[in-house]
Amino acid sequence: MSKFGMLQLKVYTKIKDSEIIAQKLEVVREFCDKRNIELMVYFDKDDDLIVKVELDGLTISYCKGCLMEIRTLIKKSLNCKVETMLEAY
């Protein structure tokens, strides 16, 4: 039976150009693509950058580890503060 993990982050970055954000988050996208993790990056109605991640894994530890790594990669790639809005397993 597979386990489920979900993460939603608010990213505090001054970058508002979606092309630049996409370039900087390419390493995150590659990480997610290799592991069949769903990654959504968008601006909400308040113009805040939101990152939403959903994944299925064999264990909760795997899900937690992937989500922690994604959070770290986002912080490093955009050099900014990240607030966890939702984290579920």
C-alpha atoms as a PDB file:
ATOM      1  CA  MET A   1       0.000   0.000   0.000  1.00  0.00           C
ATOM      2  CA  SER A   2       1.442   3.360  -0.949  1.00  0.00           C
ATOM      3  CA  LYS A   3       1.640   6.407   1.298  1.00  0.00           C
ATOM      4  CA  PHE A   4       0.754   9.964   0.321  1.00  0.00           C
ATOM      5  CA  GLY A   5       2.530  13.240   0.985  1.00  0.00           C
ATOM      6  CA  MET A   6       1.483  16.815   0.268  1.00  0.00           C
ATOM      7  CA  LEU A   7       3.215  20.133   0.799  1.00  0.00           C
ATOM      8  CA  GLN A   8       2.125  23.693   0.073  1.00  0.00           C
ATOM      9  CA  LEU A   9       4.608  26.530   0.474  1.00  0.00           C
ATOM     10  CA  LYS A  10       4.453  30.307   0.259  1.00  0.00           C
ATOM     11  CA  VAL A  11       7.740  31.530  -1.200  1.00  0.00           C
ATOM     12  CA  TYR A  12       8.892  35.024  -0.231  1.00  0.00           C
ATOM     13  CA  THR A  13      10.848  36.127  -3.276  1.00  0.00           C
ATOM     14  CA  LYS A  14      11.142  39.497  -4.964  1.00  0.00           C
ATOM     15  CA  ILE A  15      11.305  37.765  -8.356  1.00  0.00           C
ATOM     16  CA  LYS A  16       7.969  38.163 -10.136  1.00  0.00           C
ATOM     17  CA  ASP A  17       9.003  37.100 -13.646  1.00  0.00           C
ATOM     18  CA  SER A  18       7.659  33.583 -14.189  1.00  0.00           C
ATOM     19  CA  GLU A  19      10.372  32.715 -16.743  1.00  0.00           C
ATOM     20  CA  ILE A  20      13.165  33.559 -14.301  1.00  0.00           C
ATOM     21  CA  ILE A  21      11.426  31.584 -11.550  1.00  0.00           C
ATOM     22  CA  ALA A  22      11.066  28.605 -13.898  1.00  0.00           C
ATOM     23  CA  GLN A  23      14.787  28.751 -14.727  1.00  0.00           C
ATOM     24  CA  LYS A  24      15.800  28.944 -11.073  1.00  0.00           C
ATOM     25  CA  LEU A  25      13.480  26.096 -10.092  1.00  0.00           C
ATOM     26  CA  GLU A  26      14.674  23.778 -12.877  1.00  0.00           C
ATOM     27  CA  VAL A  27      16.681  21.708 -10.357  1.00  0.00           C
ATOM     28  CA  VAL A  28      13.482  21.220  -8.324  1.00  0.00           C
ATOM     29  CA  ARG A  29      11.555  20.206 -11.433  1.00  0.00           C
ATOM     30  CA  GLU A  30      14.257  17.658 -12.353  1.00  0.00           C
ATOM     31  CA  PHE A  31      14.191  16.215  -8.817  1.00  0.00           C
ATOM     32  CA  CYS A  32      10.402  15.844  -9.016  1.00  0.00           C
ATOM     33  CA  ASP A  33      10.395  14.404 -12.540  1.00  0.00           C
ATOM     34  CA  LYS A  34      12.887  11.672 -11.584  1.00  0.00           C
ATOM     35  CA  ARG A  35      10.668  10.590  -8.684  1.00  0.00           C
ATOM     36  CA  ASN A  36       7.240  11.002 -10.302  1.00  0.00           C
ATOM     37  CA  ILE A  37       6.311  13.859  -7.950  1.00  0.00           C
ATOM     38  CA  GLU A  38       3.660  16.383  -8.959  1.00  0.00           C
ATOM     39  CA  LEU A  39       4.934  19.972  -8.715  1.00  0.00           C
ATOM     40  CA  MET A  40       2.785  23.064  -9.260  1.00  0.00           C
ATOM     41  CA  VAL A  41       4.195  26.602  -9.118  1.00  0.00           C
ATOM     42  CA  TYR A  42       1.879  29.591  -9.458  1.00  0.00           C
ATOM     43  CA  PHE A  43       1.042  33.082  -8.234  1.00  0.00           C
ATOM     44  CA  ASP A  44      -2.111  33.360  -6.126  1.00  0.00           C
ATOM     45  CA  LYS A  45      -4.610  36.246  -6.180  1.00  0.00           C
ATOM     46  CA  ASP A  46      -2.418  38.220  -3.735  1.00  0.00           C
ATOM     47  CA  ASP A  47       0.569  37.841  -6.109  1.00  0.00           C
ATOM     48  CA  ASP A  48       2.361  35.465  -3.695  1.00  0.00           C
ATOM     49  CA  LEU A  49       4.392  32.638  -5.186  1.00  0.00           C
ATOM     50  CA  ILE A  50       2.893  29.288  -4.167  1.00  0.00           C
ATOM     51  CA  VAL A  51       4.504  25.879  -4.614  1.00  0.00           C
ATOM     52  CA  LYS A  52       2.335  22.793  -4.219  1.00  0.00           C
ATOM     53  CA  VAL A  53       3.787  19.281  -4.159  1.00  0.00           C
ATOM     54  CA  GLU A  54       1.994  15.923  -4.123  1.00  0.00           C
ATOM     55  CA  LEU A  55       3.579  12.476  -4.129  1.00  0.00           C
ATOM     56  CA  ASP A  56       2.963   8.807  -3.523  1.00  0.00           C
ATOM     57  CA  GLY A  57       5.640   6.662  -1.906  1.00  0.00           C
ATOM     58  CA  LEU A  58       6.106   3.304  -0.282  1.00  0.00           C
ATOM     59  CA  THR A  59       6.735   4.749   3.187  1.00  0.00           C
ATOM     60  CA  ILE A  60       5.955   7.902   5.121  1.00  0.00           C
ATOM     61  CA  SER A  61       9.689   8.366   5.693  1.00  0.00           C
ATOM     62  CA  TYR A  62      10.249   8.467   1.917  1.00  0.00           C
ATOM     63  CA  CYS A  63       7.476  11.070   1.510  1.00  0.00           C
ATOM     64  CA  LYS A  64       8.819  13.232   4.356  1.00  0.00           C
ATOM     65  CA  GLY A  65      12.362  13.015   3.006  1.00  0.00           C
ATOM     66  CA  CYS A  66      11.324  14.044  -0.503  1.00  0.00           C
ATOM     67  CA  LEU A  67       9.264  16.967   0.782  1.00  0.00           C
ATOM     68  CA  MET A  68      12.122  18.159   3.021  1.00  0.00           C
ATOM     69  CA  GLU A  69      14.525  17.984   0.079  1.00  0.00           C
ATOM     70  CA  ILE A  70      12.148  19.933  -2.164  1.00  0.00           C
ATOM     71  CA  ARG A  71      11.723  22.646   0.483  1.00  0.00           C
ATOM     72  CA  THR A  72      15.522  22.926   0.811  1.00  0.00           C
ATOM     73  CA  LEU A  73      16.050  23.043  -2.965  1.00  0.00           C
ATOM     74  CA  ILE A  74      13.488  25.846  -3.319  1.00  0.00           C
ATOM     75  CA  LYS A  75      15.126  27.891  -0.557  1.00  0.00           C
ATOM     76  CA  LYS A  76      18.571  27.462  -2.127  1.00  0.00           C
ATOM     77  CA  SER A  77      17.429  28.031  -5.727  1.00  0.00           C
ATOM     78  CA  LEU A  78      15.547  31.256  -5.021  1.00  0.00           C
ATOM     79  CA  ASN A  79      17.648  32.342  -2.015  1.00  0.00           C
ATOM     80  CA  CYS A  80      14.577  33.272  -0.012  1.00  0.00           C
ATOM     81  CA  LYS A  81      12.381  32.498   2.969  1.00  0.00           C
ATOM     82  CA  VAL A  82       9.747  29.766   2.621  1.00  0.00           C
ATOM     83  CA  GLU A  83       6.628  29.404   4.780  1.00  0.00           C
ATOM     84  CA  THR A  84       4.900  26.046   5.074  1.00  0.00           C
ATOM     85  CA  MET A  85       1.171  26.550   4.575  1.00  0.00           C
ATOM     86  CA  LEU A  86       0.191  22.864   4.514  1.00  0.00           C
ATOM     87  CA  GLU A  87       2.057  19.635   5.149  1.00  0.00           C
ATOM     88  CA  ALA A  88       0.208  16.311   5.206  1.00  0.00           C
ATOM     89  CA  TYR A  89       1.121  12.622   5.163  1.00  0.00           C
END
